[in-house]
Amino acid sequence: MSKPESAARVAQDSKNLPRLETEELETGPDPSAAIIWLHGLGADGHDFEPVAPHVLWRGAPAIRFVFPHAPERPVTINGGMRMRAWYDILAISLDRNQDTAGIEQSCSQVAALMEREQRRGIAPHRVVLAGFSQGGAIALQLGLRYPHRLAGIIALSTYLIDSRQSPAPSHTVNQGLPVFMAHGSMDPVVPFGMGESAARVLQSWGYTVEWRSYPMMHAVCPEEIGDIAGWLQRCLA
């Protein structure tokens, strides 16, 4: 079994890639924490902007929300149509025919945003990496392998890109990392079982997973947003 490329290597490679365009929202002056939130296939960085005010809690510190726009690229399973995507999806199967180059490029570009937060004064242990659907897959792929301790990962309506590979053992600094995972029980896009299976795999790898399910489709719901707020409070308060 080949080991996934480490985030340290990914971060180095990011210097040769264009920086992702982002939308940003700061909830107060001098933010002491950051949440980098990756949208799903075909959406853009504006998709989760309306959610930001609703995941805060009374007494929350100033937080910088960073919403990157994925690059536009052809997506094979959508007939080659160009859209914002973190990587090409070549086939429905997740365990073969992966767009490895696209996955590594997106991980590199998101890692560059995380490094930028460090330069702006926010330590890695105050950064949450979040994502929905395909964005959630990248959040898991990068966050579990990142060489600095993070505050946690939010992975919504998503999956593990390849559950046969475990995070590189050289980056056990994030072992036991808090992970919030949630999925709609009626999801027709990413089947519920894929999310549930991913949560079980992460738990078997030693991660602290808070798993929630909701009677919804491929979406987010008010109850879910409230649960995310409670989880964030425990990670960032």
Protein backbone atom coordinates (compact mmCIF):
# COMPACT_ATOMS: atom_id res chain seq x y z
CA MET A 1 0.00 0.00 0.00
CA SER A 2 1.50 3.33 -1.02
CA LYS A 3 1.57 6.12 1.52
CA PRO A 4 -0.27 9.38 0.72
CA GLU A 5 1.92 12.38 0.05
CA SER A 6 2.60 14.33 3.22
CA ALA A 7 1.16 17.80 3.77
CA ALA A 8 4.68 19.13 4.27
CA ARG A 9 5.54 18.17 0.69
CA VAL A 10 2.17 19.50 -0.43
CA ALA A 11 2.84 22.83 1.26
CA GLN A 12 6.19 23.13 -0.50
CA ASP A 13 4.61 22.40 -3.87
CA SER A 14 1.99 25.11 -3.28
CA LYS A 15 4.63 27.78 -3.95
CA ASN A 16 4.45 26.89 -7.65
CA LEU A 17 0.64 27.08 -7.84
CA PRO A 18 -1.65 30.11 -8.13
CA ARG A 19 -3.24 31.17 -4.85
CA LEU A 20 -6.92 30.37 -4.58
CA GLU A 21 -9.32 33.30 -4.80
CA THR A 22 -11.26 33.64 -1.55
CA GLU A 23 -14.16 35.36 0.11
CA GLU A 24 -13.51 36.36 3.72
CA LEU A 25 -15.61 37.35 6.69
CA GLU A 26 -14.27 38.48 10.06
CA THR A 27 -16.65 38.46 13.01
CA GLY A 28 -14.59 41.01 14.94
CA PRO A 29 -11.26 42.83 15.02
CA ASP A 30 -8.01 40.86 15.41
CA PRO A 31 -9.40 37.35 14.86
CA SER A 32 -7.83 34.69 17.07
CA ALA A 33 -9.19 31.71 15.11
CA ALA A 34 -9.90 30.83 11.50
CA ILE A 35 -12.27 28.50 9.70
CA ILE A 36 -11.36 27.60 6.12
CA TRP A 37 -14.52 26.26 4.48
CA LEU A 38 -14.45 24.38 1.15
CA HIS A 39 -17.55 24.27 -1.02
CA GLY A 40 -18.92 21.33 -2.96
CA LEU A 41 -18.68 20.39 -6.63
CA GLY A 42 -20.06 23.07 -8.95
CA ALA A 43 -20.61 25.63 -6.18
CA ASP A 44 -18.25 28.46 -5.19
CA GLY A 45 -16.85 30.25 -2.16
CA HIS A 46 -20.09 32.19 -1.63
CA ASP A 47 -22.03 28.99 -0.93
CA PHE A 48 -21.46 28.85 2.83
CA GLU A 49 -21.09 32.56 3.57
CA PRO A 50 -24.69 32.78 4.89
CA VAL A 51 -23.96 29.96 7.37
CA ALA A 52 -21.10 31.76 9.12
CA PRO A 53 -23.13 33.96 11.52
CA HIS A 54 -25.21 30.96 12.59
CA VAL A 55 -22.32 28.75 13.77
CA LEU A 56 -21.19 31.33 16.33
CA TRP A 57 -22.06 31.13 20.01
CA ARG A 58 -22.49 33.65 22.77
CA GLY A 59 -19.06 34.91 23.78
CA ALA A 60 -17.34 33.47 20.69
CA PRO A 61 -13.91 34.94 19.91
CA ALA A 62 -13.38 36.93 16.72
CA ILE A 63 -13.12 34.39 13.90
CA ARG A 64 -11.96 34.80 10.32
CA PHE A 65 -13.96 32.71 7.87
CA VAL A 66 -12.14 31.97 4.62
CA PHE A 67 -14.22 30.64 1.73
CA PRO A 68 -11.99 29.65 -1.23
CA HIS A 69 -13.22 29.28 -4.81
CA ALA A 70 -12.10 25.99 -6.35
CA PRO A 71 -10.51 26.28 -9.82
CA GLU A 72 -12.68 25.60 -12.85
CA ARG A 73 -11.92 22.31 -14.57
CA PRO A 74 -13.67 19.70 -16.75
CA VAL A 75 -15.47 17.04 -14.71
CA THR A 76 -15.57 13.68 -16.44
CA ILE A 77 -18.71 12.24 -14.83
CA ASN A 78 -20.57 15.43 -15.83
CA GLY A 79 -19.74 14.94 -19.50
CA GLY A 80 -16.57 17.01 -19.32
CA MET A 81 -18.46 20.17 -18.40
CA ARG A 82 -16.24 22.85 -16.86
CA MET A 83 -17.18 23.84 -13.32
CA ARG A 84 -15.58 24.70 -10.03
CA ALA A 85 -14.17 21.45 -8.67
CA TRP A 86 -11.42 20.49 -6.25
CA TYR A 87 -10.51 17.60 -8.57
CA ASP A 88 -11.91 15.72 -11.54
CA ILE A 89 -14.22 12.82 -10.75
CA LEU A 90 -13.34 10.15 -13.28
CA ALA A 91 -15.73 7.43 -12.11
CA ILE A 92 -18.28 6.75 -9.40
CA SER A 93 -15.87 4.37 -7.65
CA LEU A 94 -13.72 6.05 -5.01
CA ASP A 95 -11.08 3.32 -4.76
CA ARG A 96 -9.71 3.56 -8.32
CA ASN A 97 -9.38 5.96 -11.23
CA GLN A 98 -8.63 8.89 -8.94
CA ASP A 99 -7.53 12.28 -10.22
CA THR A 100 -4.41 12.13 -8.06
CA ALA A 101 -2.86 15.24 -9.58
CA GLY A 102 -6.01 17.31 -9.01
CA ILE A 103 -6.36 16.10 -5.42
CA GLU A 104 -2.72 16.92 -4.63
CA GLN A 105 -3.00 20.33 -6.30
CA SER A 106 -6.06 21.30 -4.25
CA CYS A 107 -4.45 20.06 -1.04
CA SER A 108 -1.41 22.19 -1.86
CA GLN A 109 -3.48 25.29 -2.54
CA VAL A 110 -5.55 24.90 0.63
CA ALA A 111 -2.38 24.25 2.64
CA ALA A 112 -1.09 27.58 1.31
CA LEU A 113 -4.18 29.29 2.76
CA MET A 114 -3.51 27.64 6.12
CA GLU A 115 0.08 28.89 6.01
CA ARG A 116 -1.20 32.37 5.23
CA GLU A 117 -3.29 32.28 8.40
CA GLN A 118 -0.11 31.53 10.36
CA ARG A 119 1.55 34.57 8.80
CA ARG A 120 -1.48 36.60 9.83
CA GLY A 121 -1.02 35.52 13.43
CA ILE A 122 -3.37 32.53 13.80
CA ALA A 123 -1.61 29.38 15.01
CA PRO A 124 -2.56 26.02 13.41
CA HIS A 125 -4.22 24.81 16.62
CA ARG A 126 -6.72 27.68 16.17
CA VAL A 127 -7.61 26.69 12.59
CA VAL A 128 -10.61 24.55 11.66
CA LEU A 129 -10.67 23.00 8.20
CA ALA A 130 -14.24 22.50 6.98
CA GLY A 131 -15.82 21.23 3.80
CA PHE A 132 -19.03 20.04 2.19
CA SER A 133 -19.25 17.08 -0.20
CA GLN A 134 -16.18 17.17 -2.50
CA GLY A 135 -14.80 20.01 -0.35
CA GLY A 136 -15.24 17.80 2.70
CA ALA A 137 -13.24 15.05 1.01
CA ILE A 138 -10.34 17.48 0.50
CA ALA A 139 -10.69 18.73 4.09
CA LEU A 140 -10.25 15.17 5.35
CA GLN A 141 -7.49 14.32 2.90
CA LEU A 142 -5.40 17.35 3.92
CA GLY A 143 -6.42 17.84 7.55
CA LEU A 144 -5.61 14.31 8.70
CA ARG A 145 -2.14 14.60 7.17
CA TYR A 146 -1.30 18.19 8.07
CA PRO A 147 2.06 18.40 9.91
CA HIS A 148 0.82 20.85 12.58
CA ARG A 149 -1.91 20.30 15.15
CA LEU A 150 -5.25 21.74 14.04
CA ALA A 151 -8.30 22.69 16.10
CA GLY A 152 -10.43 20.19 14.18
CA ILE A 153 -12.10 19.18 10.92
CA ILE A 154 -15.72 19.59 9.81
CA ALA A 155 -16.71 17.13 7.06
CA LEU A 156 -20.31 17.40 5.84
CA SER A 157 -22.14 15.05 3.44
CA THR A 158 -18.83 13.63 2.30
CA TYR A 159 -16.53 10.63 2.09
CA LEU A 160 -12.93 9.50 2.34
CA ILE A 161 -11.17 9.73 -1.01
CA ASP A 162 -9.52 6.34 -0.42
CA SER A 163 -10.36 4.51 2.79
CA ARG A 164 -7.66 1.91 2.06
CA GLN A 165 -4.96 4.45 2.90
CA SER A 166 -4.40 5.67 6.43
CA PRO A 167 -2.83 9.06 7.19
CA ALA A 168 0.93 9.17 6.84
CA PRO A 169 2.41 7.94 10.16
CA SER A 170 4.98 10.76 10.13
CA HIS A 171 2.20 13.20 11.00
CA THR A 172 0.71 11.65 14.12
CA VAL A 173 0.54 15.20 15.56
CA ASN A 174 -3.11 15.19 14.45
CA GLN A 175 -3.87 11.73 15.81
CA GLY A 176 -7.06 11.90 17.85
CA LEU A 177 -8.03 15.20 16.20
CA PRO A 178 -11.67 16.20 16.78
CA VAL A 179 -13.74 15.62 13.64
CA PHE A 180 -17.38 16.62 13.15
CA MET A 181 -19.11 14.55 10.47
CA ALA A 182 -22.74 14.83 9.41
CA HIS A 183 -24.85 13.42 6.59
CA GLY A 184 -28.40 13.46 5.29
CA SER A 185 -30.16 10.12 5.55
CA MET A 186 -31.83 10.71 2.16
CA ASP A 187 -28.76 12.01 0.31
CA PRO A 188 -29.03 11.01 -3.40
CA VAL A 189 -25.63 12.49 -4.36
CA VAL A 190 -23.25 11.07 -1.75
CA PRO A 191 -25.03 8.01 -0.34
CA PHE A 192 -25.52 7.99 3.41
CA GLY A 193 -23.54 4.77 3.74
CA MET A 194 -20.42 6.42 2.35
CA GLY A 195 -20.43 9.05 5.07
CA GLU A 196 -21.25 6.54 7.79
CA SER A 197 -18.46 4.25 6.59
CA ALA A 198 -15.97 7.13 6.56
CA ALA A 199 -16.84 7.98 10.16
CA ARG A 200 -16.26 4.37 11.23
CA VAL A 201 -12.91 4.26 9.44
CA LEU A 202 -11.76 7.47 11.13
CA GLN A 203 -12.77 6.09 14.52
CA SER A 204 -10.78 2.92 13.79
CA TRP A 205 -7.77 5.15 13.04
CA GLY A 206 -8.11 6.75 16.47
CA TYR A 207 -9.85 10.03 15.63
CA THR A 208 -12.48 11.58 17.89
CA VAL A 209 -15.48 11.65 15.56
CA GLU A 210 -18.78 13.31 16.42
CA TRP A 211 -21.18 11.71 13.92
CA ARG A 212 -24.64 13.13 13.24
CA SER A 213 -27.36 12.25 10.73
CA TYR A 214 -30.39 14.28 9.72
CA PRO A 215 -33.55 13.53 7.69
CA MET A 216 -32.48 15.58 4.66
CA MET A 217 -30.97 15.25 1.20
CA HIS A 218 -27.61 16.62 -0.04
CA ALA A 219 -27.83 19.81 1.99
CA VAL A 220 -27.43 21.38 5.41
CA CYS A 221 -30.25 22.00 7.89
CA PRO A 222 -30.80 24.30 10.91
CA GLU A 223 -30.35 21.47 13.43
CA GLU A 224 -27.03 20.58 11.83
CA ILE A 225 -25.85 24.19 11.96
CA GLY A 226 -26.71 24.30 15.65
CA ASP A 227 -24.74 21.12 16.28
CA ILE A 228 -21.76 22.58 14.41
CA ALA A 229 -21.92 25.69 16.61
CA GLY A 230 -21.79 23.56 19.74
CA TRP A 231 -18.85 21.54 18.41
CA LEU A 232 -16.96 24.69 17.39
CA GLN A 233 -17.48 26.16 20.85
CA ARG A 234 -15.83 23.11 22.39
CA CYS A 235 -12.90 23.34 19.94
CA LEU A 236 -12.32 27.12 19.90
CA ALA A 237 -13.76 28.67 23.06
